[in-house]
């Protein structure tokens, strides 16, 4: 399960990128999307957290990845909550509404329909060339890497 232990409860919120490792091909039931096969490799999920808790949503994702939470509300929860995946790190963009922009510009191929039910994007989950490639691109775009320490 996930390896991130930190807290990211910034009340201002913003946009975030979750770097996820899937070490082997696995099939995961993703709510209304049904069974989806995820090939082994790196994935990047782009989300936003502008509600009253701000980046507390990122804390929730970390808890789910560590197995400390069971409730699944969003597509990414099914991926993070699966025992064959690891949340490696997070990149945050405080007070920035860049979710769709980053989903379209980060390196990788979209996983069609995943995580974009509230916008016109094809997806907010990308298969990434590598974890470091997507993390470097996110930091180069102005994000702050947060390994949870």
Protein backbone atom coordinates (compact mmCIF):
# COMPACT_ATOMS: atom_id res chain seq x y z
CA UNK A 1 0.00 0.00 0.00
CA UNK A 2 0.97 3.65 -0.05
CA UNK A 3 4.21 4.87 1.43
CA UNK A 4 3.41 8.49 2.24
CA UNK A 5 3.02 9.43 5.91
CA UNK A 6 2.90 13.21 5.92
CA UNK A 7 0.20 15.77 6.39
CA UNK A 8 -0.78 18.30 3.79
CA UNK A 9 -3.74 20.05 5.44
CA UNK A 10 -3.29 23.48 3.91
CA UNK A 11 -6.64 25.25 4.18
CA UNK A 12 -5.99 27.30 1.03
CA UNK A 13 -6.09 24.25 -1.22
CA UNK A 14 -5.09 24.18 -4.85
CA UNK A 15 -4.15 21.61 -7.47
CA UNK A 16 -2.13 18.46 -6.83
CA UNK A 17 -0.46 15.63 -8.70
CA UNK A 18 -0.30 12.14 -7.18
CA UNK A 19 2.57 9.95 -8.42
CA UNK A 20 1.43 6.32 -8.28
CA UNK A 21 3.40 3.14 -8.93
CA UNK A 22 1.71 -0.02 -10.22
CA UNK A 23 4.44 -2.70 -10.08
CA UNK A 24 2.53 -5.33 -12.08
CA UNK A 25 -0.45 -5.40 -14.40
CA UNK A 26 -3.61 -5.60 -12.35
CA UNK A 27 -7.36 -5.35 -12.86
CA UNK A 28 -9.21 -3.03 -10.50
CA UNK A 29 -12.94 -2.38 -10.23
CA UNK A 30 -13.28 1.41 -10.50
CA UNK A 31 -16.81 2.22 -9.38
CA UNK A 32 -19.12 3.07 -12.27
CA UNK A 33 -16.25 2.63 -14.76
CA UNK A 34 -16.24 -1.09 -13.99
CA UNK A 35 -13.20 -3.35 -14.23
CA UNK A 36 -10.16 -1.56 -15.65
CA UNK A 37 -6.79 -3.09 -16.40
CA UNK A 38 -3.78 -1.05 -15.31
CA UNK A 39 -0.50 -2.02 -16.89
CA UNK A 40 2.63 -2.07 -14.77
CA UNK A 41 4.31 1.31 -14.54
CA UNK A 42 4.02 4.89 -13.38
CA UNK A 43 0.80 6.89 -13.24
CA UNK A 44 0.06 10.53 -12.49
CA UNK A 45 -3.33 11.67 -11.21
CA UNK A 46 -4.16 15.39 -11.31
CA UNK A 47 -6.77 16.63 -8.85
CA UNK A 48 -7.92 19.76 -7.09
CA UNK A 49 -8.84 20.58 -3.52
CA UNK A 50 -10.62 23.90 -3.15
CA UNK A 51 -13.24 22.95 -0.57
CA UNK A 52 -13.22 24.04 3.06
CA UNK A 53 -10.48 21.56 3.99
CA UNK A 54 -8.10 22.53 1.21
CA UNK A 55 -5.30 20.01 0.86
CA UNK A 56 -6.91 17.79 3.51
CA UNK A 57 -8.12 15.86 0.46
CA UNK A 58 -4.48 14.90 -0.20
CA UNK A 59 -4.24 13.63 3.40
CA UNK A 60 -7.34 11.54 2.72
CA UNK A 61 -5.70 10.06 -0.41
CA UNK A 62 -2.60 9.21 1.65
CA UNK A 63 -4.70 7.52 4.35
CA UNK A 64 -6.52 5.47 1.72
CA UNK A 65 -3.21 4.42 0.14
CA UNK A 66 -1.89 3.33 3.55
CA UNK A 67 -5.02 1.25 4.20
CA UNK A 68 -6.24 3.52 7.00
CA UNK A 69 -9.48 4.44 5.21
CA UNK A 70 -11.97 2.37 3.23
CA UNK A 71 -14.48 4.81 1.72
CA UNK A 72 -14.08 5.38 -2.00
CA UNK A 73 -15.61 8.55 -3.44
CA UNK A 74 -13.57 9.29 -6.57
CA UNK A 75 -12.10 7.13 -9.35
CA UNK A 76 -8.58 7.58 -7.97
CA UNK A 77 -9.69 6.12 -4.62
CA UNK A 78 -10.15 2.71 -6.24
CA UNK A 79 -6.62 2.84 -7.63
CA UNK A 80 -5.03 4.12 -4.41
CA UNK A 81 -6.94 1.67 -2.24
CA UNK A 82 -5.76 -1.39 -4.16
CA UNK A 83 -3.03 -3.47 -2.52
CA UNK A 84 -0.99 -3.62 -5.76
CA UNK A 85 -0.48 0.16 -5.95
CA UNK A 86 1.75 2.62 -4.08
CA UNK A 87 1.34 6.37 -3.71
CA UNK A 88 4.96 7.46 -4.07
CA UNK A 89 4.78 11.23 -3.69
CA UNK A 90 2.66 14.33 -4.22
CA UNK A 91 3.31 17.63 -5.97
CA UNK A 92 1.13 20.54 -4.88
CA UNK A 93 0.25 23.82 -6.57
CA UNK A 94 -1.08 25.94 -3.67
CA UNK A 95 -3.93 28.34 -4.49
CA UNK A 96 -3.67 27.44 -8.20
CA UNK A 97 -6.57 26.14 -10.28
CA UNK A 98 -4.57 24.20 -12.89
CA UNK A 99 -6.18 20.75 -12.83
CA UNK A 100 -7.25 20.53 -16.48
CA UNK A 101 -4.16 22.37 -17.76
CA UNK A 102 -1.80 19.95 -16.00
CA UNK A 103 -3.81 16.87 -17.01
CA UNK A 104 -3.35 17.98 -20.62
CA UNK A 105 0.30 19.03 -20.41
CA UNK A 106 2.11 16.53 -18.16
CA UNK A 107 3.98 13.76 -20.00
CA UNK A 108 2.00 10.58 -20.46
CA UNK A 109 -1.08 9.14 -22.10
CA UNK A 110 -4.57 9.70 -20.68
CA UNK A 111 -6.46 6.76 -19.17
CA UNK A 112 -9.72 7.58 -20.95
CA UNK A 113 -12.63 8.59 -18.72
CA UNK A 114 -10.67 8.27 -15.48
CA UNK A 115 -11.09 11.13 -13.02
CA UNK A 116 -12.63 13.64 -15.40
CA UNK A 117 -16.35 13.23 -14.82
CA UNK A 118 -16.79 16.90 -13.84
CA UNK A 119 -15.08 18.53 -16.85
CA UNK A 120 -14.48 18.14 -20.59
CA UNK A 121 -11.03 16.53 -20.27
CA UNK A 122 -10.55 13.00 -21.57
CA UNK A 123 -8.89 11.98 -18.28
CA UNK A 124 -7.10 13.22 -15.19
CA UNK A 125 -5.07 10.02 -14.85
CA UNK A 126 -2.06 9.55 -17.10
CA UNK A 127 0.23 6.63 -17.75
CA UNK A 128 3.61 8.28 -17.25
CA UNK A 129 6.96 7.45 -18.86
CA UNK A 130 8.39 7.17 -15.33
CA UNK A 131 7.67 8.57 -11.88
CA UNK A 132 10.68 10.87 -12.05
CA UNK A 133 9.75 12.20 -15.50
CA UNK A 134 6.28 13.25 -14.41
CA UNK A 135 7.51 14.61 -11.07
CA UNK A 136 10.20 16.67 -12.80
CA UNK A 137 7.62 18.05 -15.25
CA UNK A 138 5.23 18.93 -12.41
CA UNK A 139 7.95 20.73 -10.43
CA UNK A 140 9.12 22.50 -13.61
CA UNK A 141 5.50 23.69 -14.03
CA UNK A 142 5.71 25.40 -10.63
CA UNK A 143 4.66 22.63 -8.26
CA UNK A 144 6.15 21.86 -4.86
CA UNK A 145 7.21 18.26 -4.27
CA UNK A 146 5.89 16.90 -0.98
CA UNK A 147 7.17 13.47 -0.01
CA UNK A 148 5.12 13.61 3.17
CA UNK A 149 7.92 14.32 5.61
